[in-house]
Protein backbone atom coordinates (compact mmCIF):
# COMPACT_ATOMS: atom_id res chain seq x y z
CA UNK A 1 -5.84 21.88 -16.96
CA UNK A 2 -9.50 22.39 -16.76
CA UNK A 3 -11.79 20.53 -14.18
CA UNK A 4 -13.39 17.99 -16.54
CA UNK A 5 -9.86 16.83 -17.88
CA UNK A 6 -8.78 16.38 -14.09
CA UNK A 7 -11.78 14.33 -13.47
CA UNK A 8 -11.29 12.12 -16.40
CA UNK A 9 -7.55 11.71 -15.84
CA UNK A 10 -7.99 11.20 -12.10
CA UNK A 11 -10.70 8.49 -12.59
CA UNK A 12 -8.45 6.85 -15.44
CA UNK A 13 -5.33 6.85 -12.98
CA UNK A 14 -7.28 5.27 -10.06
CA UNK A 15 -8.86 2.67 -12.35
CA UNK A 16 -5.70 1.71 -13.79
CA UNK A 17 -4.15 1.45 -10.26
CA UNK A 18 -6.97 -0.78 -9.07
CA UNK A 19 -6.87 -2.92 -12.24
CA UNK A 20 -3.18 -3.75 -11.65
CA UNK A 21 -3.78 -4.43 -7.82
CA UNK A 22 -6.71 -6.75 -8.93
CA UNK A 23 -4.44 -8.75 -11.24
CA UNK A 24 -1.84 -9.09 -8.68
CA UNK A 25 -4.32 -9.84 -6.00
CA UNK A 26 -5.64 -12.72 -8.18
CA UNK A 27 -1.93 -14.04 -8.57
CA UNK A 28 -1.58 -13.75 -4.73
CA UNK A 29 -4.82 -15.66 -3.98
CA UNK A 30 -6.68 -12.65 -2.66
CA UNK A 31 -8.98 -11.65 -5.43
CA UNK A 32 -11.55 -10.16 -3.18
CA UNK A 33 -9.11 -7.71 -1.79
CA UNK A 34 -8.01 -6.79 -5.11
CA UNK A 35 -11.72 -6.23 -6.26
CA UNK A 36 -12.47 -3.83 -3.35
CA UNK A 37 -9.00 -2.21 -3.25
CA UNK A 38 -9.16 1.64 -2.77
CA UNK A 39 -12.97 1.94 -3.53
CA UNK A 40 -12.81 4.89 -0.88
CA UNK A 41 -11.01 6.89 -3.52
CA UNK A 42 -14.52 7.51 -5.19
CA UNK A 43 -15.89 8.80 -1.89
CA UNK A 44 -16.65 12.66 -1.81
CA UNK A 45 -13.81 13.33 0.63
CA UNK A 46 -11.12 11.59 -1.31
CA UNK A 47 -12.32 12.24 -4.77
CA UNK A 48 -12.80 15.97 -4.73
CA UNK A 49 -9.50 16.70 -2.98
CA UNK A 50 -7.68 14.32 -5.48
CA UNK A 51 -9.34 16.15 -8.40
CA UNK A 52 -8.49 19.53 -7.17
CA UNK A 53 -4.79 18.86 -6.73
CA UNK A 54 -4.40 16.42 -9.68
CA UNK A 55 -1.37 17.21 -11.85
CA UNK A 56 -0.64 13.82 -13.43
CA UNK A 57 3.01 13.76 -12.25
CA UNK A 58 2.53 12.92 -8.59
CA UNK A 59 0.06 12.01 -5.93
CA UNK A 60 -2.54 14.64 -5.41
CA UNK A 61 -2.13 13.98 -1.66
CA UNK A 62 1.37 15.13 -1.62
CA UNK A 63 0.43 18.30 -3.60
CA UNK A 64 -2.39 18.95 -1.03
CA UNK A 65 0.08 18.59 1.95
CA UNK A 66 2.27 21.17 0.23
CA UNK A 67 -0.39 23.60 -0.33
CA UNK A 68 -2.57 23.48 2.86
CA UNK A 69 -0.37 21.41 5.14
CA UNK A 70 -2.39 18.24 5.31
CA UNK A 71 -4.55 15.91 3.26
CA UNK A 72 -8.05 15.32 4.22
CA UNK A 73 -8.25 12.75 1.65
CA UNK A 74 -5.26 10.79 3.02
CA UNK A 75 -6.78 11.08 6.53
CA UNK A 76 -9.94 9.60 5.21
CA UNK A 77 -8.18 6.97 3.16
CA UNK A 78 -5.80 5.50 5.78
CA UNK A 79 -8.76 5.22 8.30
CA UNK A 80 -10.73 2.96 5.93
CA UNK A 81 -8.20 0.91 4.00
CA UNK A 82 -6.50 -1.85 6.11
CA UNK A 83 -3.67 -2.44 3.56
CA UNK A 84 -2.06 0.66 4.91
CA UNK A 85 0.36 0.53 7.90
CA UNK A 86 -1.11 3.62 9.30
CA UNK A 87 -4.39 1.85 9.84
CA UNK A 88 -2.69 -0.56 12.22
CA UNK A 89 -1.06 1.92 14.61
CA UNK A 90 -2.85 1.81 17.95
CA UNK A 91 -2.07 5.09 19.82
CA UNK A 92 -2.84 5.30 23.53
CA UNK A 93 -1.82 8.10 26.01
CA UNK A 94 1.49 6.45 26.69
CA UNK A 95 2.59 4.49 23.55
CA UNK A 96 2.16 3.78 19.95
CA UNK A 97 1.92 0.08 18.97
CA UNK A 98 2.47 -1.18 15.34
CA UNK A 99 0.29 -4.13 14.83
CA UNK A 100 1.27 -7.04 12.63
CA UNK A 101 -1.10 -6.87 9.56
CA UNK A 102 -3.21 -9.67 9.00
CA UNK A 103 -2.26 -11.83 6.05
CA UNK A 104 -4.81 -10.67 3.42
CA UNK A 105 -4.06 -6.94 4.17
CA UNK A 106 -0.35 -7.51 4.23
CA UNK A 107 -0.50 -9.16 0.72
CA UNK A 108 -2.75 -6.31 -0.52
CA UNK A 109 -0.11 -3.85 0.71
CA UNK A 110 2.53 -5.65 -1.49
CA UNK A 111 0.27 -5.40 -4.50
CA UNK A 112 -0.58 -1.72 -3.65
CA UNK A 113 3.06 -0.78 -3.63
CA UNK A 114 3.82 -2.69 -6.90
CA UNK A 115 0.90 -1.11 -8.55
CA UNK A 116 1.48 2.46 -7.39
CA UNK A 117 5.04 2.19 -8.72
CA UNK A 118 3.97 0.99 -12.07
CA UNK A 119 1.24 3.53 -12.36
CA UNK A 120 3.39 6.69 -11.32
CA UNK A 121 6.71 5.42 -12.91
CA UNK A 122 5.20 4.03 -16.13
CA UNK A 123 7.73 2.55 -18.61
CA UNK A 124 10.55 3.46 -16.21
CA UNK A 125 9.30 1.01 -13.63
CA UNK A 126 11.66 -2.02 -12.86
CA UNK A 127 11.38 -4.84 -10.45
CA UNK A 128 14.06 -3.45 -8.34
CA UNK A 129 12.01 -0.01 -7.83
CA UNK A 130 9.72 -1.24 -5.00
CA UNK A 131 12.56 -2.56 -2.79
CA UNK A 132 14.50 0.80 -3.40
CA UNK A 133 11.42 3.02 -2.54
CA UNK A 134 10.75 0.77 0.52
CA UNK A 135 14.29 1.19 1.80
CA UNK A 136 14.64 4.69 0.92
CA UNK A 137 11.50 6.32 1.83
CA UNK A 138 8.86 3.91 3.57
CA UNK A 139 10.64 1.49 5.90
CA UNK A 140 12.00 4.10 8.09
CA UNK A 141 9.12 6.64 7.96
CA UNK A 142 7.75 7.81 11.09
CA UNK A 143 4.74 5.48 10.98
CA UNK A 144 5.18 2.91 13.79
CA UNK A 145 5.43 -0.59 12.19
CA UNK A 146 5.49 -4.12 13.71
CA UNK A 147 8.98 -5.60 13.08
CA UNK A 148 7.32 -8.57 11.51
CA UNK A 149 5.53 -6.32 9.00
CA UNK A 150 8.95 -4.71 8.22
CA UNK A 151 10.54 -8.18 7.85
CA UNK A 152 7.74 -9.30 5.59
CA UNK A 153 8.08 -6.38 3.33
CA UNK A 154 11.84 -6.67 3.24
CA UNK A 155 11.74 -10.43 2.21
CA UNK A 156 8.96 -10.14 -0.32
CA UNK A 157 10.34 -6.92 -2.09
CA UNK A 158 13.77 -8.31 -2.15
CA UNK A 159 12.59 -11.57 -3.89
CA UNK A 160 10.72 -9.36 -6.31
CA UNK A 161 13.96 -7.33 -6.97
CA UNK A 162 16.05 -10.51 -7.44
CA UNK A 163 13.70 -12.90 -9.08
CA UNK A 164 10.66 -11.05 -10.32
CA UNK A 165 6.99 -10.67 -9.56
CA UNK A 166 6.04 -14.06 -10.56
CA UNK A 167 8.31 -15.78 -8.12
CA UNK A 168 7.10 -13.61 -5.20
CA UNK A 169 3.57 -12.76 -5.84
CA UNK A 170 1.85 -16.08 -5.65
CA UNK A 171 -0.09 -17.64 -2.75
CA UNK A 172 2.42 -20.44 -1.91
CA UNK A 173 5.41 -18.23 -1.39
CA UNK A 174 3.52 -15.39 0.21
CA UNK A 175 1.65 -17.86 2.76
CA UNK A 176 4.98 -19.46 3.68
CA UNK A 177 6.97 -16.37 4.12
CA UNK A 178 3.95 -14.83 6.36
CA UNK A 179 3.78 -18.01 8.39
CA UNK A 180 7.37 -18.01 9.15
CA UNK A 181 7.35 -14.53 10.33
CA UNK A 182 4.13 -15.08 12.29
CA UNK A 183 5.68 -17.95 14.06
CA UNK A 184 8.88 -16.06 14.85
CA UNK A 185 7.03 -13.27 16.55
CA UNK A 186 4.03 -14.95 18.04
CA UNK A 187 4.64 -18.74 18.43
CA UNK A 188 1.16 -20.14 19.12
CA UNK A 189 -0.78 -17.22 20.33
CA UNK A 190 -2.44 -14.59 18.09
CA UNK A 191 -0.98 -11.53 19.91
CA UNK A 192 -0.01 -8.99 17.43
CA UNK A 193 1.36 -6.22 19.57
CA UNK A 194 4.69 -4.78 18.83
């Protein structure tokens, strides 16, 4: 695939992903988060590496890791996009603390996971796929996550698998679910430490 084709296809892929996130974010009551979602993918650090390793079948970040051992685009991306769990890991000399994501970023993370699955799996995508991917790959990945973050994702992705996107991705359900988990872990104080 020539460079011009890779550029066009990568832009189309990112735009499709952002468009689906935007539509889901509107349903979830966080339209601004959907509008600004993943804009860093157009920064030189992320864009050029993604184009270089673009193959249309999988994330260029995974391909970069296989080829050079790391992805500069991912390191840049996760440090600028608060809907990624990795952004919320506080690392000190003695411990790693997974922070409970603030509501708007937690909901954006759900929208991001749904959209990524839809874009990469296309017509093969089902409402059960995000929960399966979460349970098989992401939930137990080595990234430290706050137990409340894990619980929120478990509950919301299970509801999507059982009842569909419309039942789970709406402001009322997401707010109620988040509030219950927040109260469980933090009572009245806003201490988000794991």
